[in-house]
Amino acid sequence: YIGVGTVQLVNARIEKNKVMRATWDAEQMAELRRQGEEEMERQRLEQQARRTQA
């Protein structure tokens, strides 16, 4: 027999894990987006430099 308290505790832990995972995913996505923007900016500056030299 599992008490209602135990079920609520397990459900709360599952919810907490979901929230933590969602937060982690959001942080990962933000980091990837930031890296992508830096890479695009770097390429843009390289192209400008090439155009200036040409």
PDB file of N, CA and C in Angstrom:
ATOM      1  N   TYR A   1       0.853  -1.210   0.000  1.00  0.00           N
ATOM      2  CA  TYR A   1       0.000   0.000   0.000  1.00  0.00           C
ATOM      3  C   TYR A   1       0.878   1.245   0.000  1.00  0.00           C
ATOM      4  N   ILE A   2       0.640   2.134  -0.948  1.00  0.00           N
ATOM      5  CA  ILE A   2       1.386   3.394  -1.036  1.00  0.00           C
ATOM      6  C   ILE A   2       0.493   4.520  -0.546  1.00  0.00           C
ATOM      7  N   GLY A   3       0.977   5.288   0.410  1.00  0.00           N
ATOM      8  CA  GLY A   3       0.196   6.402   0.942  1.00  0.00           C
ATOM      9  C   GLY A   3       0.067   7.527  -0.066  1.00  0.00           C
ATOM     10  N   VAL A   4      -0.979   8.319   0.110  1.00  0.00           N
ATOM     11  CA  VAL A   4      -1.215   9.461  -0.782  1.00  0.00           C
ATOM     12  C   VAL A   4      -0.039  10.430  -0.701  1.00  0.00           C
ATOM     13  N   GLY A   5       0.521  10.604   0.496  1.00  0.00           N
ATOM     14  CA  GLY A   5       1.661  11.507   0.682  1.00  0.00           C
ATOM     15  C   GLY A   5       2.840  11.111  -0.187  1.00  0.00           C
ATOM     16  N   THR A   6       3.080   9.784  -0.276  1.00  0.00           N
ATOM     17  CA  THR A   6       4.195   9.286  -1.088  1.00  0.00           C
ATOM     18  C   THR A   6       3.972   9.615  -2.556  1.00  0.00           C
ATOM     19  N   VAL A   7       2.743   9.392  -3.025  1.00  0.00           N
ATOM     20  CA  VAL A   7       2.402   9.688  -4.424  1.00  0.00           C
ATOM     21  C   VAL A   7       2.621  11.169  -4.712  1.00  0.00           C
ATOM     22  N   GLN A   8       2.152  12.019  -3.802  1.00  0.00           N
ATOM     23  CA  GLN A   8       2.319  13.463  -3.989  1.00  0.00           C
ATOM     24  C   GLN A   8       3.800  13.836  -4.006  1.00  0.00           C
ATOM     25  N   LEU A   9       4.574  13.183  -3.137  1.00  0.00           N
ATOM     26  CA  LEU A   9       6.009  13.457  -3.068  1.00  0.00           C
ATOM     27  C   LEU A   9       6.683  13.089  -4.393  1.00  0.00           C
ATOM     28  N   VAL A  10       6.337  11.894  -4.902  1.00  0.00           N
ATOM     29  CA  VAL A  10       6.912  11.430  -6.172  1.00  0.00           C
ATOM     30  C   VAL A  10       6.508  12.369  -7.306  1.00  0.00           C
ATOM     31  N   ASN A  11       5.224  12.737  -7.352  1.00  0.00           N
ATOM     32  CA  ASN A  11       4.744  13.649  -8.394  1.00  0.00           C
ATOM     33  C   ASN A  11       5.455  14.995  -8.312  1.00  0.00           C
ATOM     34  N   ALA A  12       5.656  15.483  -7.095  1.00  0.00           N
ATOM     35  CA  ALA A  12       6.345  16.761  -6.915  1.00  0.00           C
ATOM     36  C   ALA A  12       7.773  16.665  -7.429  1.00  0.00           C
ATOM     37  N   ARG A  13       8.420  15.527  -7.165  1.00  0.00           N
ATOM     38  CA  ARG A  13       9.800  15.346  -7.624  1.00  0.00           C
ATOM     39  C   ARG A  13       9.846  15.303  -9.145  1.00  0.00           C
ATOM     40  N   ILE A  14       8.881  14.606  -9.756  1.00  0.00           N
ATOM     41  CA  ILE A  14       8.809  14.527 -11.219  1.00  0.00           C
ATOM     42  C   ILE A  14       8.613  15.927 -11.804  1.00  0.00           C
ATOM     43  N   GLU A  15       7.697  16.700 -11.218  1.00  0.00           N
ATOM     44  CA  GLU A  15       7.453  18.069 -11.691  1.00  0.00           C
ATOM     45  C   GLU A  15       8.721  18.906 -11.577  1.00  0.00           C
ATOM     46  N   LYS A  16       9.411  18.783 -10.447  1.00  0.00           N
ATOM     47  CA  LYS A  16      10.631  19.555 -10.226  1.00  0.00           C
ATOM     48  C   LYS A  16      11.673  19.193 -11.283  1.00  0.00           C
ATOM     49  N   ASN A  17      11.789  17.893 -11.573  1.00  0.00           N
ATOM     50  CA  ASN A  17      12.742  17.455 -12.593  1.00  0.00           C
ATOM     51  C   ASN A  17      12.375  18.014 -13.959  1.00  0.00           C
ATOM     52  N   LYS A  18      11.075  18.036 -14.267  1.00  0.00           N
ATOM     53  CA  LYS A  18      10.615  18.597 -15.549  1.00  0.00           C
ATOM     54  C   LYS A  18      11.009  20.063 -15.653  1.00  0.00           C
ATOM     55  N   VAL A  19      10.762  20.803 -14.563  1.00  0.00           N
ATOM     56  CA  VAL A  19      11.074  22.238 -14.562  1.00  0.00           C
ATOM     57  C   VAL A  19      12.574  22.445 -14.709  1.00  0.00           C
ATOM     58  N   MET A  20      13.355  21.658 -13.962  1.00  0.00           N
ATOM     59  CA  MET A  20      14.813  21.792 -14.038  1.00  0.00           C
ATOM     60  C   MET A  20      15.308  21.478 -15.441  1.00  0.00           C
ATOM     61  N   ARG A  21      14.734  20.423 -16.048  1.00  0.00           N
ATOM     62  CA  ARG A  21      15.155  20.042 -17.397  1.00  0.00           C
ATOM     63  C   ARG A  21      14.783  21.132 -18.394  1.00  0.00           C
ATOM     64  N   ALA A  22      13.589  21.686 -18.239  1.00  0.00           N
ATOM     65  CA  ALA A  22      13.144  22.756 -19.138  1.00  0.00           C
ATOM     66  C   ALA A  22      14.052  23.972 -19.007  1.00  0.00           C
ATOM     67  N   THR A  23      14.425  24.289 -17.759  1.00  0.00           N
ATOM     68  CA  THR A  23      15.323  25.426 -17.520  1.00  0.00           C
ATOM     69  C   THR A  23      16.672  25.154 -18.167  1.00  0.00           C
ATOM     70  N   TRP A  24      17.181  23.928 -17.974  1.00  0.00           N
ATOM     71  CA  TRP A  24      18.478  23.558 -18.533  1.00  0.00           C
ATOM     72  C   TRP A  24      18.425  23.639 -20.058  1.00  0.00           C
ATOM     73  N   ASP A  25      17.350  23.097 -20.654  1.00  0.00           N
ATOM     74  CA  ASP A  25      17.185  23.150 -22.112  1.00  0.00           C
ATOM     75  C   ASP A  25      17.192  24.595 -22.602  1.00  0.00           C
ATOM     76  N   ALA A  26      16.471  25.460 -21.889  1.00  0.00           N
ATOM     77  CA  ALA A  26      16.400  26.866 -22.286  1.00  0.00           C
ATOM     78  C   ALA A  26      17.778  27.503 -22.227  1.00  0.00           C
ATOM     79  N   GLU A  27      18.545  27.158 -21.182  1.00  0.00           N
ATOM     80  CA  GLU A  27      19.901  27.702 -21.060  1.00  0.00           C
ATOM     81  C   GLU A  27      20.787  27.188 -22.188  1.00  0.00           C
ATOM     82  N   GLN A  28      20.659  25.896 -22.509  1.00  0.00           N
ATOM     83  CA  GLN A  28      21.449  25.322 -23.600  1.00  0.00           C
ATOM     84  C   GLN A  28      21.104  26.011 -24.921  1.00  0.00           C
ATOM     85  N   MET A  29      19.805  26.199 -25.178  1.00  0.00           N
ATOM     86  CA  MET A  29      19.373  26.846 -26.414  1.00  0.00           C
ATOM     87  C   MET A  29      19.902  28.275 -26.492  1.00  0.00           C
ATOM     88  N   ALA A  30      19.837  28.987 -25.378  1.00  0.00           N
ATOM     89  CA  ALA A  30      20.330  30.367 -25.353  1.00  0.00           C
ATOM     90  C   ALA A  30      21.825  30.390 -25.645  1.00  0.00           C
ATOM     91  N   GLU A  31      22.560  29.437 -25.079  1.00  0.00           N
ATOM     92  CA  GLU A  31      24.005  29.368 -25.296  1.00  0.00           C
ATOM     93  C   GLU A  31      24.310  29.061 -26.764  1.00  0.00           C
ATOM     94  N   LEU A  32      23.589  28.092 -27.335  1.00  0.00           N
ATOM     95  CA  LEU A  32      23.798  27.752 -28.743  1.00  0.00           C
ATOM     96  C   LEU A  32      23.475  28.937 -29.640  1.00  0.00           C
ATOM     97  N   ARG A  33      22.375  29.641 -29.320  1.00  0.00           N
ATOM     98  CA  ARG A  33      21.978  30.797 -30.123  1.00  0.00           C
ATOM     99  C   ARG A  33      23.059  31.871 -30.045  1.00  0.00           C
ATOM    100  N   ARG A  34      23.590  32.086 -28.838  1.00  0.00           N
ATOM    101  CA  ARG A  34      24.631  33.101 -28.647  1.00  0.00           C
ATOM    102  C   ARG A  34      25.876  32.732 -29.461  1.00  0.00           C
ATOM    103  N   GLN A  35      26.257  31.462 -29.407  1.00  0.00           N
ATOM    104  CA  GLN A  35      27.420  31.013 -30.173  1.00  0.00           C
ATOM    105  C   GLN A  35      27.183  31.189 -31.664  1.00  0.00           C
ATOM    106  N   GLY A  36      25.960  30.874 -32.110  1.00  0.00           N
ATOM    107  CA  GLY A  36      25.620  31.022 -33.521  1.00  0.00           C
ATOM    108  C   GLY A  36      25.691  32.471 -33.966  1.00  0.00           C
ATOM    109  N   GLU A  37      25.209  33.370 -33.110  1.00  0.00           N
ATOM    110  CA  GLU A  37      25.244  34.798 -33.438  1.00  0.00           C
ATOM    111  C   GLU A  37      26.684  35.298 -33.494  1.00  0.00           C
ATOM    112  N   GLU A  38      27.516  34.830 -32.561  1.00  0.00           N
ATOM    113  CA  GLU A  38      28.927  35.228 -32.575  1.00  0.00           C
ATOM    114  C   GLU A  38      29.599  34.750 -33.851  1.00  0.00           C
ATOM    115  N   GLU A  39      29.284  33.511 -34.265  1.00  0.00           N
ATOM    116  CA  GLU A  39      29.872  32.943 -35.472  1.00  0.00           C
ATOM    117  C   GLU A  39      29.436  33.745 -36.702  1.00  0.00           C
ATOM    118  N   MET A  40      28.147  34.089 -36.779  1.00  0.00           N
ATOM    119  CA  MET A  40      27.645  34.873 -37.909  1.00  0.00           C
ATOM    120  C   MET A  40      28.315  36.243 -37.946  1.00  0.00           C
ATOM    121  N   GLU A  41      28.469  36.861 -36.777  1.00  0.00           N
ATOM    122  CA  GLU A  41      29.107  38.176 -36.692  1.00  0.00           C
ATOM    123  C   GLU A  41      30.563  38.088 -37.164  1.00  0.00           C
ATOM    124  N   ARG A  42      31.253  37.022 -36.735  1.00  0.00           N
ATOM    125  CA  ARG A  42      32.652  36.833 -37.125  1.00  0.00           C
ATOM    126  C   ARG A  42      32.763  36.687 -38.647  1.00  0.00           C
ATOM    127  N   GLN A  43      31.882  35.882 -39.227  1.00  0.00           N
ATOM    128  CA  GLN A  43      31.901  35.683 -40.682  1.00  0.00           C
ATOM    129  C   GLN A  43      31.603  36.987 -41.411  1.00  0.00           C
ATOM    130  N   ARG A  44      30.655  37.761 -40.862  1.00  0.00           N
ATOM    131  CA  ARG A  44      30.292  39.034 -41.487  1.00  0.00           C
ATOM    132  C   ARG A  44      31.498  39.975 -41.483  1.00  0.00           C
ATOM    133  N   LEU A  45      32.214  40.020 -40.355  1.00  0.00           N
ATOM    134  CA  LEU A  45      33.389  40.888 -40.259  1.00  0.00           C
ATOM    135  C   LEU A  45      34.489  40.422 -41.209  1.00  0.00           C
ATOM    136  N   GLU A  46      34.643  39.096 -41.340  1.00  0.00           N
ATOM    137  CA  GLU A  46      35.642  38.560 -42.270  1.00  0.00           C
ATOM    138  C   GLU A  46      35.311  38.962 -43.700  1.00  0.00           C
ATOM    139  N   GLN A  47      34.032  38.870 -44.070  1.00  0.00           N
ATOM    140  CA  GLN A  47      33.618  39.244 -45.422  1.00  0.00           C
ATOM    141  C   GLN A  47      33.871  40.727 -45.662  1.00  0.00           C
ATOM    142  N   GLN A  48      33.567  41.557 -44.667  1.00  0.00           N
ATOM    143  CA  GLN A  48      33.815  42.998 -44.781  1.00  0.00           C
ATOM    144  C   GLN A  48      35.308  43.252 -44.986  1.00  0.00           C
ATOM    145  N   ALA A  49      36.128  42.560 -44.205  1.00  0.00           N
ATOM    146  CA  ALA A  49      37.578  42.740 -44.301  1.00  0.00           C
ATOM    147  C   ALA A  49      38.061  42.340 -45.691  1.00  0.00           C
ATOM    148  N   ARG A  50      37.524  41.234 -46.212  1.00  0.00           N
ATOM    149  CA  ARG A  50      37.902  40.776 -47.539  1.00  0.00           C
ATOM    150  C   ARG A  50      37.511  41.807 -48.591  1.00  0.00           C
ATOM    151  N   ARG A  51      36.293  42.362 -48.452  1.00  0.00           N
ATOM    152  CA  ARG A  51      35.814  43.356 -49.402  1.00  0.00           C
ATOM    153  C   ARG A  51      36.706  44.597 -49.357  1.00  0.00           C
ATOM    154  N   THR A  52      37.123  44.970 -48.145  1.00  0.00           N
ATOM    155  CA  THR A  52      37.960  46.164 -47.976  1.00  0.00           C
ATOM    156  C   THR A  52      39.313  45.950 -48.652  1.00  0.00           C
ATOM    157  N   GLN A  53      39.856  44.729 -48.529  1.00  0.00           N
ATOM    158  CA  GLN A  53      41.166  44.428 -49.111  1.00  0.00           C
ATOM    159  C   GLN A  53      41.096  44.361 -50.627  1.00  0.00           C
ATOM    160  N   ALA A  54      39.981  43.856 -51.163  1.00  0.00           N
ATOM    161  CA  ALA A  54      39.850  43.638 -52.611  1.00  0.00           C
ATOM    162  C   ALA A  54      39.999  44.948 -53.382  1.00  0.00           C
TER     163      ALA A  54
END
